[in-house]
Amino acid sequence: MCKTPVLKNTRWTAVQKIFVADAGTMTITYTLDFISDKDVRIREESHMPSHPATYMNADGTVDTIPGHSSETVESGTYRFRRGKLTVMLEDGLPKEFALQRDGTFTVEWYGEPLVFSRSTEE
């Protein structure tokens, strides 16, 4: 295993792209901000681009559905032990991240594997 990472005052990000039938690809960016030796904030930003409607108007034209974005932020606490980062969120459900040999963290997120890399934008 690689060395224990210093997490305090660091930011880690992962990007997920989800194909949405008839609409395009939604992009979700997850950010872990380690505020102190125990506090963390998780930000989830999603963006769906504008896309053609799934119906045709009587005159043969197709409307464009505008793109939209959303953001949620949750606070919690964390601990790192034996290659595992455990994040306890406000809702009480812990998330376990595994430290990889390349220094990234992986986690199963809503049924999809995500890879978090340390961000240089801190």
N, C-alpha and C. Protein backbone atom coordinates (compact mmCIF):
# COMPACT_ATOMS: atom_id res chain seq x y z
N MET A 1 0.83 -1.18 0.00
CA MET A 1 0.00 0.00 0.00
C MET A 1 0.88 1.24 0.00
N CYS A 2 0.31 2.32 -0.49
CA CYS A 2 1.03 3.57 -0.45
C CYS A 2 0.91 4.18 0.94
N LYS A 3 1.65 5.24 1.16
CA LYS A 3 1.65 5.87 2.47
C LYS A 3 0.29 6.47 2.80
N THR A 4 0.03 6.66 4.09
CA THR A 4 -1.21 7.28 4.54
C THR A 4 -1.26 8.71 4.00
N PRO A 5 -2.32 9.07 3.31
CA PRO A 5 -2.40 10.41 2.74
C PRO A 5 -2.72 11.46 3.80
N VAL A 6 -2.21 12.65 3.59
CA VAL A 6 -2.59 13.79 4.43
C VAL A 6 -3.88 14.33 3.83
N LEU A 7 -4.95 14.31 4.60
CA LEU A 7 -6.25 14.70 4.07
C LEU A 7 -6.67 16.11 4.47
N LYS A 8 -6.26 16.56 5.64
CA LYS A 8 -6.64 17.88 6.14
C LYS A 8 -6.28 18.95 5.10
N ASN A 9 -7.26 19.83 4.83
CA ASN A 9 -7.10 20.94 3.87
C ASN A 9 -6.82 20.48 2.44
N THR A 10 -7.38 19.34 2.06
CA THR A 10 -7.24 18.87 0.68
C THR A 10 -8.61 18.71 0.05
N ARG A 11 -8.63 18.64 -1.26
CA ARG A 11 -9.86 18.45 -2.04
C ARG A 11 -9.63 17.29 -3.00
N TRP A 12 -10.64 16.41 -3.08
CA TRP A 12 -10.58 15.24 -3.95
C TRP A 12 -11.83 15.24 -4.82
N THR A 13 -11.69 14.90 -6.10
CA THR A 13 -12.83 14.92 -7.00
C THR A 13 -12.95 13.63 -7.81
N ALA A 14 -14.18 13.37 -8.20
CA ALA A 14 -14.50 12.25 -9.10
C ALA A 14 -15.60 12.73 -10.03
N VAL A 15 -15.56 12.25 -11.26
CA VAL A 15 -16.57 12.64 -12.26
C VAL A 15 -17.25 11.38 -12.77
N GLN A 16 -18.57 11.44 -12.83
CA GLN A 16 -19.37 10.32 -13.32
C GLN A 16 -20.19 10.82 -14.49
N LYS A 17 -20.23 10.06 -15.55
CA LYS A 17 -21.05 10.39 -16.72
C LYS A 17 -22.10 9.30 -16.87
N ILE A 18 -23.36 9.73 -16.93
CA ILE A 18 -24.47 8.79 -17.01
C ILE A 18 -25.26 9.07 -18.29
N PHE A 19 -25.41 8.04 -19.12
CA PHE A 19 -26.21 8.19 -20.33
C PHE A 19 -27.69 8.16 -19.95
N VAL A 20 -28.42 9.16 -20.39
CA VAL A 20 -29.86 9.25 -20.15
C VAL A 20 -30.54 9.11 -21.51
N ALA A 21 -31.26 8.01 -21.68
CA ALA A 21 -31.91 7.75 -22.97
C ALA A 21 -32.76 8.92 -23.40
N ASP A 22 -32.69 9.27 -24.68
CA ASP A 22 -33.45 10.35 -25.29
C ASP A 22 -33.05 11.74 -24.80
N ALA A 23 -32.01 11.85 -23.97
CA ALA A 23 -31.66 13.17 -23.46
C ALA A 23 -30.17 13.47 -23.59
N GLY A 24 -29.32 12.50 -23.53
CA GLY A 24 -27.88 12.77 -23.62
C GLY A 24 -27.14 12.25 -22.41
N THR A 25 -26.05 12.89 -22.10
CA THR A 25 -25.20 12.44 -21.01
C THR A 25 -25.20 13.45 -19.87
N MET A 26 -25.57 12.99 -18.70
CA MET A 26 -25.54 13.82 -17.50
C MET A 26 -24.15 13.66 -16.87
N THR A 27 -23.58 14.78 -16.45
CA THR A 27 -22.28 14.77 -15.79
C THR A 27 -22.47 15.12 -14.33
N ILE A 28 -21.93 14.29 -13.45
CA ILE A 28 -22.00 14.54 -12.02
C ILE A 28 -20.57 14.61 -11.48
N THR A 29 -20.28 15.71 -10.81
CA THR A 29 -18.96 15.90 -10.20
C THR A 29 -19.12 15.83 -8.69
N TYR A 30 -18.35 14.94 -8.07
CA TYR A 30 -18.35 14.78 -6.63
C TYR A 30 -17.06 15.38 -6.08
N THR A 31 -17.17 16.14 -5.01
CA THR A 31 -16.00 16.76 -4.40
C THR A 31 -15.99 16.47 -2.91
N LEU A 32 -14.86 15.99 -2.42
CA LEU A 32 -14.64 15.80 -0.99
C LEU A 32 -13.70 16.90 -0.52
N ASP A 33 -14.16 17.76 0.36
CA ASP A 33 -13.33 18.80 0.95
C ASP A 33 -13.05 18.42 2.39
N PHE A 34 -11.79 18.13 2.69
CA PHE A 34 -11.40 17.78 4.05
C PHE A 34 -11.03 19.07 4.77
N ILE A 35 -11.89 19.51 5.66
CA ILE A 35 -11.79 20.81 6.29
C ILE A 35 -10.83 20.79 7.47
N SER A 36 -10.81 19.71 8.22
CA SER A 36 -9.95 19.60 9.40
C SER A 36 -9.50 18.15 9.52
N ASP A 37 -8.99 17.80 10.69
CA ASP A 37 -8.55 16.42 10.92
C ASP A 37 -9.71 15.45 11.05
N LYS A 38 -10.95 15.97 11.12
CA LYS A 38 -12.10 15.07 11.25
C LYS A 38 -13.32 15.50 10.45
N ASP A 39 -13.38 16.74 9.98
CA ASP A 39 -14.57 17.24 9.27
C ASP A 39 -14.38 17.22 7.76
N VAL A 40 -15.45 16.81 7.08
CA VAL A 40 -15.44 16.72 5.62
C VAL A 40 -16.76 17.26 5.08
N ARG A 41 -16.70 17.79 3.87
CA ARG A 41 -17.90 18.25 3.18
C ARG A 41 -17.92 17.56 1.81
N ILE A 42 -19.07 17.00 1.46
CA ILE A 42 -19.24 16.34 0.16
C ILE A 42 -20.19 17.17 -0.69
N ARG A 43 -19.72 17.56 -1.87
CA ARG A 43 -20.53 18.35 -2.80
C ARG A 43 -20.80 17.49 -4.03
N GLU A 44 -22.06 17.49 -4.45
CA GLU A 44 -22.46 16.75 -5.64
C GLU A 44 -23.08 17.76 -6.60
N GLU A 45 -22.45 17.96 -7.75
CA GLU A 45 -22.93 18.90 -8.76
C GLU A 45 -23.28 18.12 -10.02
N SER A 46 -24.53 18.25 -10.46
CA SER A 46 -24.93 17.53 -11.67
C SER A 46 -25.34 18.53 -12.74
N HIS A 47 -25.08 18.15 -13.97
CA HIS A 47 -25.43 19.01 -15.11
C HIS A 47 -25.98 18.13 -16.24
N MET A 48 -27.15 18.51 -16.70
CA MET A 48 -27.77 17.86 -17.84
C MET A 48 -27.84 18.89 -18.95
N PRO A 49 -27.23 18.62 -20.11
CA PRO A 49 -27.26 19.60 -21.20
C PRO A 49 -28.64 19.69 -21.84
N SER A 50 -28.87 20.77 -22.56
CA SER A 50 -30.13 20.90 -23.29
C SER A 50 -30.20 19.77 -24.31
N HIS A 51 -31.43 19.36 -24.65
CA HIS A 51 -31.60 18.23 -25.55
C HIS A 51 -32.96 18.35 -26.25
N PRO A 52 -33.09 17.70 -27.40
CA PRO A 52 -34.37 17.73 -28.11
C PRO A 52 -35.46 17.02 -27.31
N ALA A 53 -36.66 17.52 -27.39
CA ALA A 53 -37.80 16.88 -26.73
C ALA A 53 -38.08 15.54 -27.38
N THR A 54 -38.80 14.68 -26.69
CA THR A 54 -39.10 13.35 -27.22
C THR A 54 -40.42 13.33 -27.98
N TYR A 55 -40.90 14.49 -28.32
CA TYR A 55 -42.16 14.60 -29.06
C TYR A 55 -41.98 15.61 -30.18
N MET A 56 -42.88 15.55 -31.14
CA MET A 56 -42.86 16.48 -32.26
C MET A 56 -44.13 17.32 -32.19
N ASN A 57 -43.99 18.61 -32.45
CA ASN A 57 -45.14 19.50 -32.47
C ASN A 57 -45.97 19.24 -33.73
N ALA A 58 -47.19 19.74 -33.74
CA ALA A 58 -48.10 19.54 -34.88
C ALA A 58 -47.51 20.09 -36.18
N ASP A 59 -46.70 21.16 -36.06
CA ASP A 59 -46.12 21.75 -37.27
C ASP A 59 -44.82 21.07 -37.70
N GLY A 60 -44.44 19.98 -37.02
CA GLY A 60 -43.25 19.22 -37.40
C GLY A 60 -41.97 19.66 -36.71
N THR A 61 -42.04 20.70 -35.89
CA THR A 61 -40.84 21.14 -35.17
C THR A 61 -40.68 20.34 -33.87
N VAL A 62 -39.47 20.36 -33.37
CA VAL A 62 -39.17 19.68 -32.11
C VAL A 62 -38.61 20.72 -31.15
N ASP A 63 -39.22 20.81 -29.99
CA ASP A 63 -38.76 21.75 -28.97
C ASP A 63 -37.43 21.29 -28.38
N THR A 64 -36.72 22.24 -27.79
CA THR A 64 -35.49 21.93 -27.07
C THR A 64 -35.76 22.08 -25.58
N ILE A 65 -35.45 21.03 -24.85
CA ILE A 65 -35.58 21.06 -23.40
C ILE A 65 -34.31 21.72 -22.86
N PRO A 66 -34.46 22.80 -22.09
CA PRO A 66 -33.25 23.48 -21.59
C PRO A 66 -32.44 22.61 -20.64
N GLY A 67 -31.15 22.83 -20.64
CA GLY A 67 -30.28 22.13 -19.72
C GLY A 67 -30.55 22.61 -18.30
N HIS A 68 -30.12 21.83 -17.34
CA HIS A 68 -30.29 22.23 -15.96
C HIS A 68 -29.15 21.66 -15.11
N SER A 69 -28.93 22.31 -13.99
CA SER A 69 -27.89 21.89 -13.06
C SER A 69 -28.46 21.88 -11.65
N SER A 70 -27.85 21.10 -10.79
CA SER A 70 -28.23 21.10 -9.39
C SER A 70 -26.99 20.83 -8.55
N GLU A 71 -27.11 21.18 -7.27
CA GLU A 71 -25.99 20.99 -6.36
C GLU A 71 -26.51 20.64 -4.98
N THR A 72 -25.88 19.66 -4.35
CA THR A 72 -26.18 19.35 -2.95
C THR A 72 -24.86 19.31 -2.19
N VAL A 73 -24.93 19.69 -0.94
CA VAL A 73 -23.75 19.67 -0.08
C VAL A 73 -24.13 19.01 1.24
N GLU A 74 -23.32 18.06 1.67
CA GLU A 74 -23.53 17.41 2.96
C GLU A 74 -22.25 17.52 3.77
N SER A 75 -22.41 17.67 5.06
CA SER A 75 -21.26 17.70 5.96
C SER A 75 -21.21 16.41 6.75
N GLY A 76 -20.02 16.09 7.21
CA GLY A 76 -19.86 14.89 8.01
C GLY A 76 -18.49 14.85 8.64
N THR A 77 -18.15 13.69 9.13
CA THR A 77 -16.84 13.46 9.74
C THR A 77 -16.19 12.28 9.03
N TYR A 78 -14.88 12.14 9.23
CA TYR A 78 -14.17 11.05 8.59
C TYR A 78 -13.08 10.51 9.50
N ARG A 79 -12.64 9.31 9.16
CA ARG A 79 -11.47 8.73 9.80
C ARG A 79 -10.78 7.84 8.77
N PHE A 80 -9.48 7.72 8.89
CA PHE A 80 -8.70 6.88 7.99
C PHE A 80 -7.96 5.85 8.83
N ARG A 81 -8.15 4.59 8.47
CA ARG A 81 -7.51 3.51 9.21
C ARG A 81 -7.29 2.32 8.28
N ARG A 82 -6.07 1.81 8.27
CA ARG A 82 -5.73 0.59 7.52
C ARG A 82 -6.16 0.62 6.06
N GLY A 83 -5.87 1.71 5.39
CA GLY A 83 -6.18 1.82 3.97
C GLY A 83 -7.63 2.12 3.64
N LYS A 84 -8.45 2.34 4.65
CA LYS A 84 -9.87 2.63 4.44
C LYS A 84 -10.22 4.01 4.99
N LEU A 85 -10.89 4.79 4.18
CA LEU A 85 -11.41 6.08 4.60
C LEU A 85 -12.90 5.90 4.83
N THR A 86 -13.35 6.17 6.04
CA THR A 86 -14.77 6.06 6.36
C THR A 86 -15.31 7.46 6.57
N VAL A 87 -16.34 7.80 5.79
CA VAL A 87 -16.99 9.10 5.90
C VAL A 87 -18.39 8.87 6.47
N MET A 88 -18.68 9.54 7.59
CA MET A 88 -20.00 9.46 8.22
C MET A 88 -20.73 10.76 7.92
N LEU A 89 -21.81 10.66 7.16
CA LEU A 89 -22.57 11.84 6.77
C LEU A 89 -23.65 12.17 7.78
N GLU A 90 -24.26 13.34 7.61
CA GLU A 90 -25.31 13.79 8.52
C GLU A 90 -26.47 12.80 8.58
N ASP A 91 -26.75 12.12 7.46
CA ASP A 91 -27.87 11.18 7.43
C ASP A 91 -27.55 9.87 8.15
N GLY A 92 -26.32 9.72 8.61
CA GLY A 92 -25.94 8.56 9.40
C GLY A 92 -25.47 7.36 8.61
N LEU A 93 -25.44 7.46 7.29
CA LEU A 93 -25.01 6.34 6.46
C LEU A 93 -23.53 6.49 6.12
N PRO A 94 -22.67 5.59 6.60
CA PRO A 94 -21.24 5.72 6.30
C PRO A 94 -20.92 5.29 4.87
N LYS A 95 -19.92 5.92 4.30
CA LYS A 95 -19.39 5.54 3.00
C LYS A 95 -17.95 5.12 3.22
N GLU A 96 -17.56 3.97 2.66
CA GLU A 96 -16.19 3.48 2.80
C GLU A 96 -15.45 3.62 1.49
N PHE A 97 -14.31 4.27 1.56
CA PHE A 97 -13.43 4.49 0.42
C PHE A 97 -12.17 3.67 0.63
N ALA A 98 -11.67 3.04 -0.42
CA ALA A 98 -10.45 2.25 -0.33
C ALA A 98 -9.30 3.02 -0.97
N LEU A 99 -8.19 3.14 -0.26
CA LEU A 99 -7.00 3.79 -0.79
C LEU A 99 -6.32 2.84 -1.76
N GLN A 100 -6.05 3.30 -2.96
CA GLN A 100 -5.41 2.48 -3.99
C GLN A 100 -3.90 2.74 -4.02
N ARG A 101 -3.18 1.85 -4.66
CA ARG A 101 -1.72 1.99 -4.75
C ARG A 101 -1.29 3.27 -5.44
N ASP A 102 -2.11 3.77 -6.36
CA ASP A 102 -1.75 5.00 -7.08
C ASP A 102 -2.12 6.27 -6.31
N GLY A 103 -2.61 6.13 -5.08
CA GLY A 103 -2.93 7.29 -4.26
C GLY A 103 -4.34 7.81 -4.43
N THR A 104 -5.17 7.14 -5.22
CA THR A 104 -6.57 7.53 -5.37
C THR A 104 -7.43 6.76 -4.38
N PHE A 105 -8.66 7.22 -4.22
CA PHE A 105 -9.64 6.52 -3.40
C PHE A 105 -10.74 5.99 -4.31
N THR A 106 -11.21 4.78 -4.07
CA THR A 106 -12.34 4.25 -4.82
C THR A 106 -13.48 3.97 -3.86
N VAL A 107 -14.70 4.10 -4.40
CA VAL A 107 -15.89 3.85 -3.60
C VAL A 107 -17.00 3.42 -4.54
N GLU A 108 -17.89 2.61 -4.04
CA GLU A 108 -19.11 2.23 -4.78
C GLU A 108 -20.15 3.31 -4.45
N TRP A 109 -20.63 4.03 -5.46
CA TRP A 109 -21.53 5.17 -5.24
C TRP A 109 -22.77 4.95 -6.08
N TYR A 110 -23.88 4.72 -5.45
CA TYR A 110 -25.14 4.45 -6.15
C TYR A 110 -24.97 3.35 -7.19
N GLY A 111 -24.22 2.32 -6.83
CA GLY A 111 -24.05 1.16 -7.70
C GLY A 111 -22.96 1.31 -8.74
N GLU A 112 -22.26 2.45 -8.77
CA GLU A 112 -21.20 2.69 -9.75
C GLU A 112 -19.88 2.90 -9.03
N PRO A 113 -18.78 2.36 -9.55
CA PRO A 113 -17.49 2.64 -8.92
C PRO A 113 -17.03 4.05 -9.29
N LEU A 114 -16.55 4.78 -8.31
CA LEU A 114 -16.01 6.12 -8.52
C LEU A 114 -14.56 6.14 -8.06
N VAL A 115 -13.74 6.92 -8.76
CA VAL A 115 -12.35 7.09 -8.40
C VAL A 115 -12.12 8.57 -8.06
N PHE A 116 -11.71 8.82 -6.81
CA PHE A 116 -11.44 10.18 -6.36
C PHE A 116 -9.94 10.43 -6.42
N SER A 117 -9.57 11.52 -7.10
CA SER A 117 -8.17 11.93 -7.19
C SER A 117 -8.00 13.26 -6.48
N ARG A 118 -6.82 13.47 -5.95
CA ARG A 118 -6.56 14.73 -5.28
C ARG A 118 -6.55 15.86 -6.30
N SER A 119 -7.25 16.92 -5.97
CA SER A 119 -7.38 18.06 -6.87
C SER A 119 -6.30 19.08 -6.56
N THR A 120 -5.82 19.74 -7.59
CA THR A 120 -4.82 20.79 -7.38
C THR A 120 -5.49 22.13 -7.07
N GLU A 121 -6.81 22.22 -7.26
CA GLU A 121 -7.57 23.44 -6.97
C GLU A 121 -8.05 23.38 -5.52
N GLU A 122 -7.24 23.86 -4.60
CA GLU A 122 -7.61 23.77 -3.19
C GLU A 122 -7.75 25.11 -2.57
